Amino acid sequence: MDLSRRQLLGAAGALALPAALAGCGGFSTSGGSSGGASGGGDALTFTTWGTDAELAGLRSAVSRFEESSGATVSLNVVPYEQMFSNIDAQIQAGNPPDVFRVPYYTFGSYAGAGQLLDLSSYLGSDVADRFTDQAWAAVQNEGSPFGVPHHTDTSAILFNRPMLEAAGITDVPTRLEDAWSWDDLAQVATTLRAALPDDQYPFAYNWQGNGVTRWLSWLFQADGRFLTEDLSGPAIDSDAGRAAVEFTQSFFSQGWVPPNDTISSSTYAQDTWYSQTVPLVWSGAFSIPDAEATLDFEWGATFAPQRVRGGSDFGGNALVATAGTANPELAAALLASVTEEESMREFCTGASLLPTRTDLVEQGIEFDVRPELAPVFLGQASTVRPQDSAQVASPDMAAIITVLQDQLEDAFVGGQDAATTVRSLSDGISDAVR
C-alpha cells in the first residue's frame, strides 16, 4: 500500500470518521477470510492499516509468530480511512477480527464498551515489566490490560535550518535538558516574525482534527491535567489550564502561526513546513522518511518546549484482541510475540517509530532513515508521564476530543477569552464522562 504524504499525515491525526460508513474488507496476506473471527483452532485474523514500512515490520513479526507457534495469521490490510468503520461494523455484526490495531486515543472507547479482551488471564505476569510505565498505562481500563502497547510516537520540532539562520537563530537545543522554555519559544517566534515576510510565519502546530489531543502537551508542560486521577471528572479549570490556553492563543494574536493553522483547518501543519511557509513545525518521527526523500533544504529536529516540566503527546498505536475472539489464548500469544524485542526493534527502526519496551528505550534505537534524529524523539517521548497517557486512553476520549475541538477553535479564532474557555472545557468534559 503506497501512502502519499497527505495520507500519512491523515493517518497520524485524522479527522473523526463517520460511523455510518459501510465496512469494506481488506486483503489477506496469508489466506483466510478478509474479515471476521477465525473460528478458533490454530488460525487468527489480524486487521490493520499501515505504511509500506509498517506493514513490512508487521508481516515479519507475524511470520516469526507463525513459525514458532504453528498457527496461521491472516493479516488483513485496509486503508486508514476505512479502518474503524470496518471494525465497528464487524463488531456489530458479530464477526470482528481476532486482533486489530488501534490508536491510544481510540483504545479507551473500545475497552470501555466491553469490546476488547481483558488480557489479565492470558499474559504472563512479567509482560507488564517489558513496557515503559507510560505505555503500560495507556492500555489499562479499570486496572486491567486490554491491549499491548506496540509503539509510540510524539511531536518534536522539525526546523528549516536556512530559514532560521537567515533570521539570526543559530542556537537550537541539542539536549533535552536545554529545551526551550515557553519564554524562549516566544522570543524565537518574535525574532522570526520580525525577520520573515508577511506571507511567512514562525511556526505551525499539528493540532488539526483528532490531532487536537496534541494541544494537551501545553497543559502537561504547565503541570496540569484535564481529568481527575480516577478519570471520573474534569480537572482542567486550573491555573495550568488557563496558562495553556492563554499561551496558545498568543500564537494567533502575535501572528506566530498562519491564520489557517486552526483546529478545524483542512491544511495540515506539516504541509506548511514543506512549502517553506514556516521554518518550524511540530511533527512526529513517522514523517522522517518522507521528509528526507522529498525536501531539498537542510533540516533537523529539536525538542518541544517546557514550562514547569516537559510534556508531549503520547501518539502511536496499541494492538488489541476482540472480546469475541474464539481463541483468546492464541490471540494473546500473538500480541505478546509481536512486542518481543526483535520484532519491535525491526518494526520501529524501519518505520521511524518509537518503541514501548523499556529495554529498547534504554538501549536506544537507530532509525533506518536519519538515525541521528532518533535520540531527539526518544528524549521527547521520555517527557510523557504515566498520568498523561492514562488520561488520553480514557474511555470517554472520543467525546472529550469533540469538546477540545469546539472550545479551542472558539478560543483561537472566535475571540473567546481563556477563563471562559477553561470553564467551558470543564463543563464539556464533565458532560462527556457522565
Protein backbone atom coordinates (compact mmCIF):
# COMPACT_ATOMS: atom_id res chain seq x y z
CA MET A 1 0.00 0.00 0.00
CA ASP A 2 1.67 3.22 -1.14
CA LEU A 3 0.63 6.12 1.08
CA SER A 4 1.15 9.71 -0.01
CA ARG A 5 2.42 12.36 2.41
CA ARG A 6 -1.12 13.66 2.90
CA GLN A 7 -2.38 10.14 3.66
CA LEU A 8 0.47 9.70 6.14
CA LEU A 9 -0.46 12.93 7.88
CA GLY A 10 -4.11 11.96 7.89
CA ALA A 11 -3.34 8.63 9.50
CA ALA A 12 -1.38 10.35 12.24
CA GLY A 13 -4.03 12.91 13.11
CA ALA A 14 -7.10 12.23 11.06
CA LEU A 15 -10.48 13.85 11.31
CA ALA A 16 -13.10 11.75 13.05
CA LEU A 17 -14.55 9.16 10.73
CA PRO A 18 -18.30 8.85 10.23
CA ALA A 19 -19.50 5.69 11.96
CA ALA A 20 -22.10 5.18 9.27
CA LEU A 21 -19.58 4.35 6.55
CA ALA A 22 -20.09 0.87 5.21
CA GLY A 23 -17.37 -1.64 6.05
CA CYS A 24 -15.06 -2.75 3.29
CA GLY A 25 -12.89 -5.84 3.54
CA GLY A 26 -9.15 -5.69 3.05
CA PHE A 27 -6.86 -8.25 1.50
CA SER A 28 -5.28 -11.18 3.27
CA THR A 29 -1.57 -11.82 3.12
CA SER A 30 -1.71 -15.48 4.10
CA GLY A 31 -5.04 -16.81 3.03
CA GLY A 32 -8.21 -16.94 5.08
CA SER A 33 -11.16 -14.62 5.15
CA SER A 34 -10.86 -10.87 4.73
CA GLY A 35 -12.76 -10.13 7.92
CA GLY A 36 -14.38 -11.70 10.94
CA ALA A 37 -13.22 -14.04 13.65
CA SER A 38 -11.18 -17.05 12.71
CA GLY A 39 -13.46 -19.57 14.38
CA GLY A 40 -10.78 -20.85 16.76
CA GLY A 41 -8.38 -23.67 16.07
CA ASP A 42 -4.89 -22.51 15.21
CA ALA A 43 -5.88 -19.58 12.97
CA LEU A 44 -6.27 -15.86 13.69
CA THR A 45 -7.35 -12.80 11.74
CA PHE A 46 -5.48 -9.52 12.26
CA THR A 47 -6.78 -6.25 10.76
CA THR A 48 -4.54 -3.21 10.37
CA TRP A 49 -3.58 -0.24 8.23
CA GLY A 50 -0.05 0.96 7.70
CA THR A 51 2.66 2.50 5.56
CA ASP A 52 4.80 0.17 3.47
CA ALA A 53 7.48 0.21 6.18
CA GLU A 54 4.97 -0.52 8.96
CA LEU A 55 3.41 -3.38 7.03
CA ALA A 56 6.83 -4.87 6.30
CA GLY A 57 7.57 -4.90 10.04
CA LEU A 58 4.19 -6.39 10.90
CA ARG A 59 4.47 -9.12 8.25
CA SER A 60 7.90 -10.05 9.56
CA ALA A 61 6.60 -10.25 13.14
CA VAL A 62 3.60 -12.32 12.07
CA SER A 63 5.80 -14.71 10.12
CA ARG A 64 8.01 -15.12 13.15
CA PHE A 65 4.96 -15.96 15.28
CA GLU A 66 3.60 -18.41 12.72
CA GLU A 67 6.92 -20.22 12.57
CA SER A 68 7.23 -20.52 16.35
CA SER A 69 3.59 -21.35 17.09
CA GLY A 70 2.46 -23.34 14.04
CA ALA A 71 -0.57 -21.05 13.81
CA THR A 72 -1.83 -19.22 10.73
CA VAL A 73 -2.46 -15.47 10.86
CA SER A 74 -4.42 -13.74 8.11
CA LEU A 75 -3.17 -10.14 8.03
CA ASN A 76 -5.94 -8.01 6.55
CA VAL A 77 -4.83 -4.56 5.41
CA VAL A 78 -7.37 -1.78 4.91
CA PRO A 79 -6.98 1.95 4.24
CA TYR A 80 -6.87 4.01 7.43
CA GLU A 81 -9.92 5.97 6.29
CA GLN A 82 -11.98 2.74 6.40
CA MET A 83 -10.30 1.03 9.33
CA PHE A 84 -12.64 1.81 12.19
CA SER A 85 -15.89 1.92 10.26
CA ASN A 86 -14.93 -1.63 9.23
CA ILE A 87 -14.14 -2.68 12.79
CA ASP A 88 -17.32 -1.12 14.18
CA ALA A 89 -19.48 -2.78 11.54
CA GLN A 90 -17.85 -6.16 12.12
CA ILE A 91 -18.24 -5.91 15.89
CA GLN A 92 -21.92 -5.06 15.46
CA ALA A 93 -22.38 -7.96 13.06
CA GLY A 94 -20.68 -10.39 15.46
CA ASN A 95 -17.74 -11.25 13.17
CA PRO A 96 -14.85 -9.00 14.25
CA PRO A 97 -11.21 -9.85 13.63
CA ASP A 98 -9.37 -11.61 16.42
CA VAL A 99 -6.77 -8.84 16.65
CA PHE A 100 -6.58 -5.27 15.40
CA ARG A 101 -4.51 -2.11 15.67
CA VAL A 102 -5.90 0.98 17.40
CA PRO A 103 -4.62 4.47 18.33
CA TYR A 104 -4.29 5.08 22.06
CA TYR A 105 -6.82 7.91 21.97
CA THR A 106 -9.38 5.50 20.48
CA PHE A 107 -8.44 2.48 22.61
CA GLY A 108 -10.47 3.59 25.63
CA SER A 109 -13.71 3.77 23.67
CA TYR A 110 -13.46 0.09 22.70
CA ALA A 111 -12.23 -1.08 26.10
CA GLY A 112 -14.87 0.91 27.95
CA ALA A 113 -17.62 -0.58 25.78
CA GLY A 114 -16.58 -4.13 26.64
CA GLN A 115 -15.48 -4.86 23.07
CA LEU A 116 -11.90 -5.89 23.87
CA LEU A 117 -10.44 -8.95 25.55
CA ASP A 118 -9.25 -8.47 29.12
CA LEU A 119 -5.73 -9.87 28.86
CA SER A 120 -5.16 -10.27 32.60
CA SER A 121 -5.63 -14.04 32.48
CA TYR A 122 -3.70 -14.61 29.26
CA LEU A 123 -0.48 -12.61 29.51
CA GLY A 124 2.39 -13.69 31.71
CA SER A 125 2.89 -11.83 34.96
CA ASP A 126 6.16 -10.38 33.65
CA VAL A 127 4.71 -8.88 30.43
CA ALA A 128 3.97 -5.55 32.09
CA ASP A 129 7.63 -5.24 33.06
CA ARG A 130 8.74 -5.12 29.45
CA PHE A 131 6.95 -1.81 28.78
CA THR A 132 7.56 1.74 29.94
CA ASP A 133 5.20 2.97 32.65
CA GLN A 134 3.53 5.50 30.35
CA ALA A 135 2.99 2.89 27.62
CA TRP A 136 1.51 0.32 30.00
CA ALA A 137 -0.78 2.99 31.50
CA ALA A 138 -2.14 3.69 28.00
CA VAL A 139 -3.65 0.18 27.63
CA GLN A 140 -5.35 -0.06 31.01
CA ASN A 141 -9.07 0.10 31.66
CA GLU A 142 -10.28 -0.05 35.26
CA GLY A 143 -6.97 -1.54 36.32
CA SER A 144 -6.73 -4.32 33.71
CA PRO A 145 -4.81 -4.51 30.41
CA PHE A 146 -6.98 -4.68 27.32
CA GLY A 147 -4.14 -4.46 24.81
CA VAL A 148 -0.38 -4.24 24.44
CA PRO A 149 1.44 -1.00 23.54
CA HIS A 150 3.01 -1.74 20.17
CA HIS A 151 4.79 1.54 19.55
CA THR A 152 4.53 5.22 20.26
CA ASP A 153 5.34 8.49 18.53
CA THR A 154 5.47 12.03 19.80
CA SER A 155 5.87 15.53 18.45
CA ALA A 156 9.25 17.21 18.41
CA ILE A 157 10.08 20.33 16.38
CA LEU A 158 11.35 19.98 12.84
CA PHE A 159 13.25 23.04 11.66
CA ASN A 160 14.39 24.55 8.38
CA ARG A 161 17.97 25.49 9.13
CA PRO A 162 18.50 28.08 6.34
CA MET A 163 15.33 29.95 7.33
CA LEU A 164 16.43 30.06 10.98
CA GLU A 165 19.94 31.18 10.15
CA ALA A 166 18.63 33.92 7.85
CA ALA A 167 16.83 35.33 10.92
CA GLY A 168 19.98 35.06 13.04
CA ILE A 169 18.87 32.00 15.02
CA THR A 170 21.77 29.57 15.18
CA ASP A 171 21.45 28.15 18.72
CA VAL A 172 18.99 25.25 18.54
CA PRO A 173 18.84 22.91 21.57
CA THR A 174 20.60 19.58 21.08
CA ARG A 175 19.91 18.16 24.56
CA LEU A 176 16.57 17.60 26.26
CA GLU A 177 17.69 19.45 29.37
CA ASP A 178 18.39 22.51 27.21
CA ALA A 179 14.99 22.56 25.51
CA TRP A 180 13.46 25.98 25.01
CA SER A 181 11.18 27.30 27.72
CA TRP A 182 7.88 28.91 26.76
CA ASP A 183 9.60 32.29 27.12
CA ASP A 184 12.44 31.11 24.88
CA LEU A 185 9.97 29.95 22.25
CA ALA A 186 8.19 33.29 22.42
CA GLN A 187 11.50 35.09 21.85
CA VAL A 188 12.37 32.83 18.91
CA ALA A 189 8.92 33.43 17.42
CA THR A 190 9.19 37.18 17.92
CA THR A 191 12.60 37.24 16.24
CA LEU A 192 11.30 35.20 13.31
CA ARG A 193 8.15 37.32 12.99
CA ALA A 194 10.29 40.44 12.63
CA ALA A 195 12.60 38.82 10.08
CA LEU A 196 10.08 36.97 7.89
CA PRO A 197 7.94 38.50 5.13
CA ASP A 198 4.23 38.90 5.76
CA ASP A 199 3.33 35.68 3.94
CA GLN A 200 5.60 33.55 6.12
CA TYR A 201 5.17 32.71 9.81
CA PRO A 202 7.43 31.43 12.62
CA PHE A 203 5.82 28.02 13.10
CA ALA A 204 2.83 25.73 12.63
CA TYR A 205 1.33 23.36 15.18
CA ASN A 206 -0.07 19.90 14.35
CA TRP A 207 -3.42 20.04 16.17
CA GLN A 208 -5.73 19.61 13.18
CA GLY A 209 -8.66 17.19 13.51
CA ASN A 210 -8.14 14.47 16.11
CA GLY A 211 -4.66 15.92 16.45
CA VAL A 212 -6.31 18.34 18.88
CA THR A 213 -5.12 15.90 21.57
CA ARG A 214 -1.65 17.35 20.90
CA TRP A 215 -2.79 20.64 22.44
CA LEU A 216 -2.76 18.77 25.73
CA SER A 217 1.05 18.84 25.60
CA TRP A 218 0.88 22.53 26.60
CA LEU A 219 -1.38 21.64 29.51
CA PHE A 220 1.01 18.93 30.67
CA GLN A 221 4.01 21.27 30.30
CA ALA A 222 2.19 23.65 32.67
CA ASP A 223 1.86 20.66 35.03
CA GLY A 224 -1.90 20.45 34.56
CA ARG A 225 -4.46 17.73 33.94
CA PHE A 226 -7.72 17.59 32.06
CA LEU A 227 -9.14 14.63 34.03
CA THR A 228 -9.06 13.77 37.71
CA GLU A 229 -6.77 10.96 38.85
CA ASP A 230 -9.60 8.42 38.69
CA LEU A 231 -10.61 9.75 35.24
CA SER A 232 -14.13 10.41 36.51
CA GLY A 233 -14.35 14.17 36.10
CA PRO A 234 -12.71 17.34 34.76
CA ALA A 235 -9.55 18.86 36.23
CA ILE A 236 -8.76 21.47 33.56
CA ASP A 237 -10.23 24.52 35.34
CA SER A 238 -6.91 25.46 36.92
CA ASP A 239 -4.05 27.91 36.69
CA ALA A 240 -2.29 25.43 34.39
CA GLY A 241 -5.34 25.18 32.13
CA ARG A 242 -5.64 28.95 31.83
CA ALA A 243 -1.91 29.31 31.18
CA ALA A 244 -2.01 26.73 28.38
CA VAL A 245 -4.98 28.43 26.71
CA GLU A 246 -3.51 31.91 27.02
CA PHE A 247 -0.12 30.89 25.63
CA THR A 248 -1.55 29.05 22.64
CA GLN A 249 -3.97 31.92 21.94
CA SER A 250 -0.90 34.14 21.59
CA PHE A 251 0.19 32.09 18.58
CA PHE A 252 -2.66 33.74 16.68
CA SER A 253 -2.75 37.18 18.31
CA GLN A 254 1.01 37.62 17.75
CA GLY A 255 0.97 36.31 14.19
CA TRP A 256 3.26 33.41 15.03
CA VAL A 257 1.23 30.81 13.12
CA PRO A 258 -0.58 31.04 9.78
CA PRO A 259 -4.22 32.12 10.18
CA ASN A 260 -5.34 28.74 8.84
CA ASP A 261 -3.32 26.77 11.41
CA THR A 262 -6.51 26.12 13.34
CA ILE A 263 -8.11 23.04 14.82
CA SER A 264 -10.66 22.80 12.01
CA SER A 265 -8.24 23.52 9.16
CA SER A 266 -8.04 21.13 6.24
CA THR A 267 -4.40 22.15 5.78
CA TYR A 268 -2.04 20.03 7.84
CA ALA A 269 0.69 21.87 9.71
CA GLN A 270 3.41 19.87 8.03
CA ASP A 271 2.24 20.91 4.56
CA THR A 272 3.02 24.49 5.58
CA TRP A 273 6.54 23.47 6.55
CA TYR A 274 7.09 21.53 3.34
CA SER A 275 6.16 24.64 1.35
CA GLN A 276 8.66 26.70 3.43
CA THR A 277 5.91 28.98 4.69
CA VAL A 278 7.18 28.28 8.23
CA PRO A 279 10.67 27.35 9.49
CA LEU A 280 9.37 25.34 12.48
CA VAL A 281 6.70 22.65 12.74
CA TRP A 282 5.67 20.15 15.42
CA SER A 283 5.73 16.66 13.92
CA GLY A 284 6.11 13.00 14.75
CA ALA A 285 9.05 10.79 13.83
CA PHE A 286 6.84 8.92 11.37
CA SER A 287 7.35 11.78 8.90
CA ILE A 288 11.15 11.44 8.74
CA PRO A 289 11.42 9.06 5.75
CA ASP A 290 9.06 11.11 3.60
CA ALA A 291 10.72 14.39 4.56
CA GLU A 292 14.17 13.05 3.77
CA ALA A 293 13.04 11.78 0.39
CA THR A 294 11.12 14.93 -0.54
CA LEU A 295 12.76 18.07 0.85
CA ASP A 296 15.57 19.94 -0.83
CA PHE A 297 16.62 22.11 2.12
CA GLU A 298 18.72 21.32 5.19
CA TRP A 299 16.54 20.34 8.12
CA GLY A 300 16.79 18.85 11.58
CA ALA A 301 14.85 18.24 14.78
CA THR A 302 14.88 19.67 18.26
CA PHE A 303 12.84 19.24 21.42
CA ALA A 304 9.43 20.69 22.20
CA PRO A 305 9.48 23.45 24.83
CA GLN A 306 8.82 23.06 28.53
CA ARG A 307 7.39 25.23 31.28
CA VAL A 308 7.01 23.72 34.75
CA ARG A 309 8.10 20.42 33.21
CA GLY A 310 8.50 18.74 29.88
CA GLY A 311 5.42 17.26 28.31
CA SER A 312 4.39 15.80 24.99
CA ASP A 313 1.71 13.85 23.19
CA PHE A 314 1.61 10.08 23.53
CA GLY A 315 0.88 9.03 19.97
CA GLY A 316 1.14 5.66 18.31
CA ASN A 317 -0.92 2.52 18.46
CA ALA A 318 -1.80 -0.46 20.62
CA LEU A 319 -2.63 -3.98 19.50
CA VAL A 320 -5.81 -5.46 20.95
CA ALA A 321 -7.83 -8.68 20.81
CA THR A 322 -11.60 -8.53 20.48
CA ALA A 323 -13.76 -9.81 23.31
CA GLY A 324 -15.46 -12.26 20.98
CA THR A 325 -12.34 -13.97 19.65
CA ALA A 326 -12.80 -17.75 19.53
CA ASN A 327 -9.17 -18.30 20.52
CA PRO A 328 -8.19 -15.85 23.27
CA GLU A 329 -5.05 -17.76 24.28
CA LEU A 330 -3.65 -17.69 20.77
CA ALA A 331 -4.63 -14.05 20.25
CA ALA A 332 -2.86 -13.08 23.47
CA ALA A 333 0.19 -15.10 22.41
CA LEU A 334 0.32 -13.16 19.14
CA LEU A 335 0.18 -9.84 20.98
CA ALA A 336 2.99 -10.94 23.27
CA SER A 337 5.07 -12.19 20.35
CA VAL A 338 4.73 -9.03 18.25
CA THR A 339 6.07 -6.99 21.17
CA GLU A 340 9.15 -9.16 21.71
CA GLU A 341 12.42 -7.25 21.44
CA GLU A 342 13.46 -8.38 17.96
CA SER A 343 10.07 -7.74 16.39
CA MET A 344 9.59 -4.33 17.98
CA ARG A 345 13.11 -3.18 17.12
CA GLU A 346 12.71 -4.20 13.49
CA PHE A 347 9.32 -2.51 13.25
CA CYS A 348 10.39 0.76 14.86
CA THR A 349 13.72 1.20 13.08
CA GLY A 350 12.15 0.53 9.69
CA ALA A 351 9.09 2.73 10.18
CA SER A 352 10.74 5.57 12.16
CA LEU A 353 8.54 4.97 15.18
CA LEU A 354 9.36 4.76 18.87
CA PRO A 355 9.47 1.57 20.94
CA THR A 356 7.39 0.99 24.06
CA ARG A 357 9.73 -1.61 25.54
CA THR A 358 11.82 -0.29 28.40
CA ASP A 359 14.94 -2.14 27.26
CA LEU A 360 14.78 -0.67 23.76
CA VAL A 361 14.21 2.82 25.14
CA GLU A 362 17.19 2.46 27.46
CA GLN A 363 19.43 0.96 24.78
CA GLY A 364 18.27 3.45 22.17
CA ILE A 365 17.41 2.60 18.60
CA GLU A 366 18.58 3.94 15.27
CA PHE A 367 16.08 4.75 12.56
CA ASP A 368 16.95 3.37 9.15
CA VAL A 369 16.50 6.93 7.83
CA ARG A 370 18.24 9.85 9.59
CA PRO A 371 19.35 7.71 12.58
CA GLU A 372 20.83 10.76 14.33
CA LEU A 373 17.30 12.07 14.92
CA ALA A 374 16.14 9.03 16.92
CA PRO A 375 17.58 10.36 20.24
CA VAL A 376 15.58 13.57 19.82
CA PHE A 377 12.29 11.72 19.53
CA LEU A 378 13.20 9.18 22.21
CA GLY A 379 14.12 12.04 24.53
CA GLN A 380 10.89 13.84 23.72
CA ALA A 381 8.87 10.70 24.44
CA SER A 382 10.51 10.44 27.85
CA THR A 383 8.72 13.64 28.92
CA VAL A 384 5.35 11.84 28.76
CA ARG A 385 4.28 10.73 32.23
CA PRO A 386 2.02 7.75 33.01
CA GLN A 387 -0.71 10.07 34.28
CA ASP A 388 -0.64 11.88 30.92
CA SER A 389 -1.01 8.78 28.75
CA ALA A 390 -3.64 7.31 31.08
CA GLN A 391 -5.85 10.36 30.61
CA VAL A 392 -5.60 10.17 26.82
CA ALA A 393 -6.63 6.48 26.98
CA SER A 394 -9.83 7.38 28.86
CA PRO A 395 -12.96 5.52 27.68
CA ASP A 396 -14.54 8.95 27.19
CA MET A 397 -11.77 10.34 24.99
CA ALA A 398 -13.83 10.41 21.79
CA ALA A 399 -16.36 12.75 23.38
CA ILE A 400 -13.61 14.80 25.04
CA ILE A 401 -11.92 15.30 21.67
CA THR A 402 -15.10 16.98 20.38
CA VAL A 403 -15.14 19.29 23.42
CA LEU A 404 -11.49 20.24 22.84
CA GLN A 405 -12.10 20.88 19.15
CA ASP A 406 -15.09 23.16 19.73
CA GLN A 407 -13.75 25.19 22.64
CA LEU A 408 -10.19 25.65 21.38
CA GLU A 409 -11.48 26.76 17.99
CA ASP A 410 -13.58 29.37 19.79
CA ALA A 411 -10.52 30.46 21.76
CA PHE A 412 -8.19 30.68 18.78
CA VAL A 413 -10.40 32.25 16.13
CA GLY A 414 -13.67 33.11 17.87
CA GLY A 415 -12.37 35.60 20.42
CA GLN A 416 -13.34 33.55 23.48
CA ASP A 417 -11.17 34.52 26.47
CA ALA A 418 -9.05 31.98 28.35
CA ALA A 419 -11.14 31.93 31.55
CA THR A 420 -14.35 31.28 29.62
CA THR A 421 -12.61 28.65 27.51
CA VAL A 422 -11.34 26.73 30.53
CA ARG A 423 -14.75 26.84 32.23
CA SER A 424 -16.42 25.64 29.03
CA LEU A 425 -13.84 22.88 28.63
CA SER A 426 -14.50 21.79 32.19
CA ASP A 427 -18.27 21.76 31.66
CA GLY A 428 -17.95 19.85 28.39
CA ILE A 429 -15.58 17.27 29.87
CA SER A 430 -17.94 16.82 32.81
CA ASP A 431 -20.77 16.02 30.39
CA ALA A 432 -18.50 13.70 28.38
CA VAL A 433 -17.55 11.49 31.33
CA ARG A 434 -21.08 11.05 32.76
